[in-house]
N, C-alpha and C. Protein backbone atom coordinates (compact mmCIF):
# COMPACT_ATOMS: atom_id res chain seq x y z
N MET A 1 31.47 3.19 -2.88
CA MET A 1 30.02 3.14 -2.74
C MET A 1 29.53 4.31 -1.88
N ALA A 2 28.46 4.87 -2.30
CA ALA A 2 27.86 5.96 -1.52
C ALA A 2 27.12 5.39 -0.31
N GLN A 3 27.32 5.99 0.83
CA GLN A 3 26.63 5.55 2.04
C GLN A 3 25.31 6.30 2.19
N ILE A 4 24.33 5.60 2.72
CA ILE A 4 23.04 6.23 2.98
C ILE A 4 23.13 6.89 4.34
N GLU A 5 22.44 7.98 4.52
CA GLU A 5 22.49 8.69 5.79
C GLU A 5 21.14 8.61 6.50
N PHE A 6 21.19 8.60 7.84
CA PHE A 6 19.96 8.56 8.62
C PHE A 6 19.10 9.79 8.39
N ASP A 7 19.71 10.91 8.02
CA ASP A 7 18.92 12.11 7.71
C ASP A 7 17.96 11.84 6.56
N SER A 8 18.41 11.09 5.57
CA SER A 8 17.56 10.74 4.43
C SER A 8 16.39 9.88 4.89
N VAL A 9 16.65 8.96 5.81
CA VAL A 9 15.60 8.09 6.33
C VAL A 9 14.57 8.92 7.08
N SER A 10 15.03 9.87 7.87
CA SER A 10 14.12 10.73 8.62
C SER A 10 13.23 11.54 7.69
N LYS A 11 13.77 11.98 6.57
CA LYS A 11 12.97 12.73 5.61
C LYS A 11 11.86 11.86 5.02
N VAL A 12 12.16 10.59 4.79
CA VAL A 12 11.17 9.68 4.20
C VAL A 12 10.17 9.20 5.24
N TYR A 13 10.66 8.76 6.40
CA TYR A 13 9.80 8.13 7.40
C TYR A 13 9.34 9.07 8.51
N GLY A 14 9.88 10.26 8.57
CA GLY A 14 9.47 11.22 9.59
C GLY A 14 10.34 11.13 10.83
N ASP A 15 10.49 12.24 11.51
CA ASP A 15 11.36 12.30 12.69
C ASP A 15 10.86 11.42 13.84
N GLY A 16 9.56 11.18 13.91
CA GLY A 16 8.99 10.38 14.99
C GLY A 16 9.38 8.91 14.93
N THR A 17 9.88 8.46 13.80
CA THR A 17 10.26 7.05 13.64
C THR A 17 11.29 6.65 14.68
N GLN A 18 12.29 7.48 14.91
CA GLN A 18 13.36 7.14 15.85
C GLN A 18 12.88 7.15 17.29
N ALA A 19 11.75 7.78 17.57
CA ALA A 19 11.19 7.76 18.91
C ALA A 19 10.51 6.43 19.21
N VAL A 20 10.04 5.75 18.17
CA VAL A 20 9.29 4.51 18.33
C VAL A 20 10.15 3.28 18.02
N TYR A 21 11.10 3.42 17.11
CA TYR A 21 11.93 2.29 16.67
C TYR A 21 13.41 2.59 16.83
N ALA A 22 14.17 1.54 17.13
CA ALA A 22 15.63 1.62 16.98
C ALA A 22 15.90 1.33 15.51
N LEU A 23 16.68 2.19 14.86
CA LEU A 23 16.95 2.06 13.43
C LEU A 23 18.37 1.57 13.20
N GLU A 24 18.50 0.63 12.28
CA GLU A 24 19.82 0.15 11.86
C GLU A 24 19.84 0.17 10.34
N LEU A 25 20.61 1.07 9.77
CA LEU A 25 20.69 1.24 8.33
C LEU A 25 22.05 0.78 7.85
N THR A 26 22.07 -0.15 6.91
CA THR A 26 23.34 -0.67 6.39
C THR A 26 23.28 -0.72 4.86
N GLY A 27 24.45 -0.85 4.25
CA GLY A 27 24.53 -1.00 2.81
C GLY A 27 24.91 0.29 2.11
N SER A 28 24.63 0.29 0.83
CA SER A 28 24.92 1.46 -0.01
C SER A 28 23.61 1.95 -0.61
N ALA A 29 23.68 3.04 -1.33
CA ALA A 29 22.47 3.60 -1.95
C ALA A 29 21.86 2.60 -2.94
N ASP A 30 22.70 1.79 -3.58
CA ASP A 30 22.20 0.83 -4.56
C ASP A 30 21.63 -0.44 -3.94
N ARG A 31 22.01 -0.71 -2.70
CA ARG A 31 21.52 -1.93 -2.03
C ARG A 31 21.55 -1.68 -0.53
N TRP A 32 20.42 -1.22 0.02
CA TRP A 32 20.37 -0.86 1.43
C TRP A 32 19.40 -1.75 2.19
N ARG A 33 19.57 -1.72 3.52
CA ARG A 33 18.72 -2.51 4.42
C ARG A 33 18.47 -1.67 5.67
N LEU A 34 17.19 -1.51 6.00
CA LEU A 34 16.79 -0.75 7.17
C LEU A 34 16.04 -1.68 8.11
N VAL A 35 16.55 -1.83 9.33
CA VAL A 35 15.90 -2.67 10.33
C VAL A 35 15.28 -1.76 11.38
N LEU A 36 13.98 -1.93 11.61
CA LEU A 36 13.26 -1.18 12.62
C LEU A 36 12.90 -2.14 13.74
N THR A 37 13.39 -1.88 14.94
CA THR A 37 13.10 -2.70 16.11
C THR A 37 12.31 -1.85 17.09
N PRO A 38 11.13 -2.32 17.50
CA PRO A 38 10.30 -1.52 18.42
C PRO A 38 11.03 -1.23 19.74
N LYS A 39 10.91 0.00 20.20
CA LYS A 39 11.51 0.39 21.48
C LYS A 39 10.57 0.13 22.65
N HIS A 40 9.28 0.01 22.37
CA HIS A 40 8.29 -0.13 23.44
C HIS A 40 7.73 -1.55 23.47
N ALA A 41 7.57 -2.09 24.65
CA ALA A 41 7.11 -3.46 24.84
C ALA A 41 5.75 -3.70 24.19
N GLN A 42 4.87 -2.72 24.27
CA GLN A 42 3.53 -2.88 23.71
C GLN A 42 3.59 -3.17 22.20
N LEU A 43 4.43 -2.45 21.49
CA LEU A 43 4.60 -2.67 20.06
C LEU A 43 5.38 -3.96 19.81
N GLY A 44 6.32 -4.26 20.69
CA GLY A 44 7.12 -5.46 20.57
C GLY A 44 6.32 -6.75 20.70
N ARG A 45 5.15 -6.67 21.30
CA ARG A 45 4.28 -7.85 21.37
C ARG A 45 3.65 -8.16 20.02
N LEU A 46 3.60 -7.18 19.12
CA LEU A 46 3.04 -7.38 17.79
C LEU A 46 4.08 -7.93 16.81
N PHE A 47 5.30 -7.41 16.87
CA PHE A 47 6.38 -7.90 16.02
C PHE A 47 7.72 -7.57 16.64
N GLU A 48 8.71 -8.42 16.32
CA GLU A 48 10.06 -8.22 16.84
C GLU A 48 10.85 -7.21 16.03
N ARG A 49 10.63 -7.24 14.72
CA ARG A 49 11.35 -6.28 13.87
C ARG A 49 10.71 -6.22 12.49
N ILE A 50 11.00 -5.13 11.80
CA ILE A 50 10.62 -4.93 10.42
C ILE A 50 11.92 -4.70 9.66
N VAL A 51 12.08 -5.42 8.56
CA VAL A 51 13.27 -5.23 7.72
C VAL A 51 12.79 -4.75 6.35
N ILE A 52 13.29 -3.59 5.96
CA ILE A 52 12.95 -3.01 4.66
C ILE A 52 14.23 -2.98 3.83
N ARG A 53 14.15 -3.54 2.63
CA ARG A 53 15.31 -3.57 1.73
C ARG A 53 14.96 -2.83 0.45
N GLY A 54 15.98 -2.20 -0.12
CA GLY A 54 15.71 -1.49 -1.36
C GLY A 54 16.95 -1.07 -2.10
N SER A 55 16.71 -0.30 -3.15
CA SER A 55 17.76 0.24 -3.99
C SER A 55 17.37 1.67 -4.35
N GLN A 56 18.27 2.59 -4.08
CA GLN A 56 17.99 4.01 -4.30
C GLN A 56 16.70 4.37 -3.55
N ALA A 57 15.71 4.93 -4.24
CA ALA A 57 14.46 5.33 -3.58
C ALA A 57 13.39 4.23 -3.65
N ASP A 58 13.74 3.08 -4.22
CA ASP A 58 12.77 2.00 -4.39
C ASP A 58 12.84 0.99 -3.25
N ILE A 59 11.70 0.70 -2.66
CA ILE A 59 11.60 -0.37 -1.66
C ILE A 59 11.36 -1.66 -2.41
N ARG A 60 12.15 -2.70 -2.11
CA ARG A 60 12.04 -3.98 -2.80
C ARG A 60 11.30 -5.03 -1.97
N THR A 61 11.60 -5.09 -0.67
CA THR A 61 10.94 -6.07 0.20
C THR A 61 10.68 -5.46 1.58
N ILE A 62 9.62 -5.96 2.21
CA ILE A 62 9.32 -5.63 3.60
C ILE A 62 9.08 -6.95 4.32
N GLU A 63 9.84 -7.18 5.38
CA GLU A 63 9.71 -8.41 6.17
C GLU A 63 9.25 -8.07 7.58
N LEU A 64 8.38 -8.91 8.11
CA LEU A 64 7.91 -8.75 9.49
C LEU A 64 8.21 -10.04 10.25
N ASP A 65 8.92 -9.91 11.36
CA ASP A 65 9.19 -11.04 12.25
C ASP A 65 8.35 -10.86 13.50
N GLN A 66 7.51 -11.84 13.80
CA GLN A 66 6.63 -11.77 14.95
C GLN A 66 7.21 -12.57 16.12
N PRO A 67 6.84 -12.21 17.34
CA PRO A 67 7.37 -12.89 18.52
C PRO A 67 7.05 -14.39 18.57
N ASP A 68 5.96 -14.81 17.92
CA ASP A 68 5.59 -16.23 17.94
C ASP A 68 6.34 -17.05 16.90
N GLY A 69 7.28 -16.42 16.18
CA GLY A 69 8.08 -17.12 15.19
C GLY A 69 7.57 -16.98 13.76
N ASP A 70 6.38 -16.43 13.59
CA ASP A 70 5.86 -16.22 12.24
C ASP A 70 6.70 -15.17 11.51
N HIS A 71 6.81 -15.35 10.21
CA HIS A 71 7.58 -14.44 9.37
C HIS A 71 6.77 -14.16 8.12
N SER A 72 6.61 -12.89 7.77
CA SER A 72 5.91 -12.49 6.55
C SER A 72 6.86 -11.67 5.70
N GLU A 73 6.78 -11.87 4.41
CA GLU A 73 7.61 -11.10 3.49
C GLU A 73 6.77 -10.62 2.32
N MET A 74 6.87 -9.33 2.03
CA MET A 74 6.18 -8.74 0.90
C MET A 74 7.24 -8.32 -0.12
N VAL A 75 7.13 -8.80 -1.33
CA VAL A 75 8.04 -8.42 -2.41
C VAL A 75 7.33 -7.41 -3.28
N ILE A 76 7.97 -6.29 -3.50
CA ILE A 76 7.36 -5.20 -4.25
C ILE A 76 8.01 -5.12 -5.61
N THR A 77 7.18 -5.21 -6.65
CA THR A 77 7.67 -5.12 -8.01
C THR A 77 6.96 -3.97 -8.72
N ARG A 78 7.52 -3.56 -9.81
CA ARG A 78 6.89 -2.49 -10.58
C ARG A 78 5.62 -3.04 -11.23
N SER A 79 4.57 -2.25 -11.19
CA SER A 79 3.31 -2.68 -11.80
C SER A 79 3.34 -2.41 -13.29
N SER A 80 2.36 -2.95 -13.96
CA SER A 80 2.27 -2.72 -15.42
C SER A 80 2.01 -1.24 -15.72
N LEU A 81 1.49 -0.50 -14.74
CA LEU A 81 1.25 0.93 -14.96
C LEU A 81 2.54 1.71 -15.06
N ALA A 82 3.61 1.21 -14.47
CA ALA A 82 4.88 1.94 -14.45
C ALA A 82 5.66 1.75 -15.75
N ARG A 83 5.20 0.92 -16.64
CA ARG A 83 5.94 0.65 -17.88
C ARG A 83 5.91 1.77 -18.85
């Protein structure tokens, strides 16, 4: 399996991402998971972490975990325009 590299993430999300979030990238190019955890307390009061899952260049889900225990998940599918 091909491993994803943090350099690729920086190209997509910008170099400033690592200044604001601790990044944890796992999986392969076909099935990857990126966890963003806020480094600053001010941002941490809004959410505990963001989990982005995908395959290749496609994002499939975005999850937000909030400090009060709330959890939101957005599932991204191809629109009818992409057919």
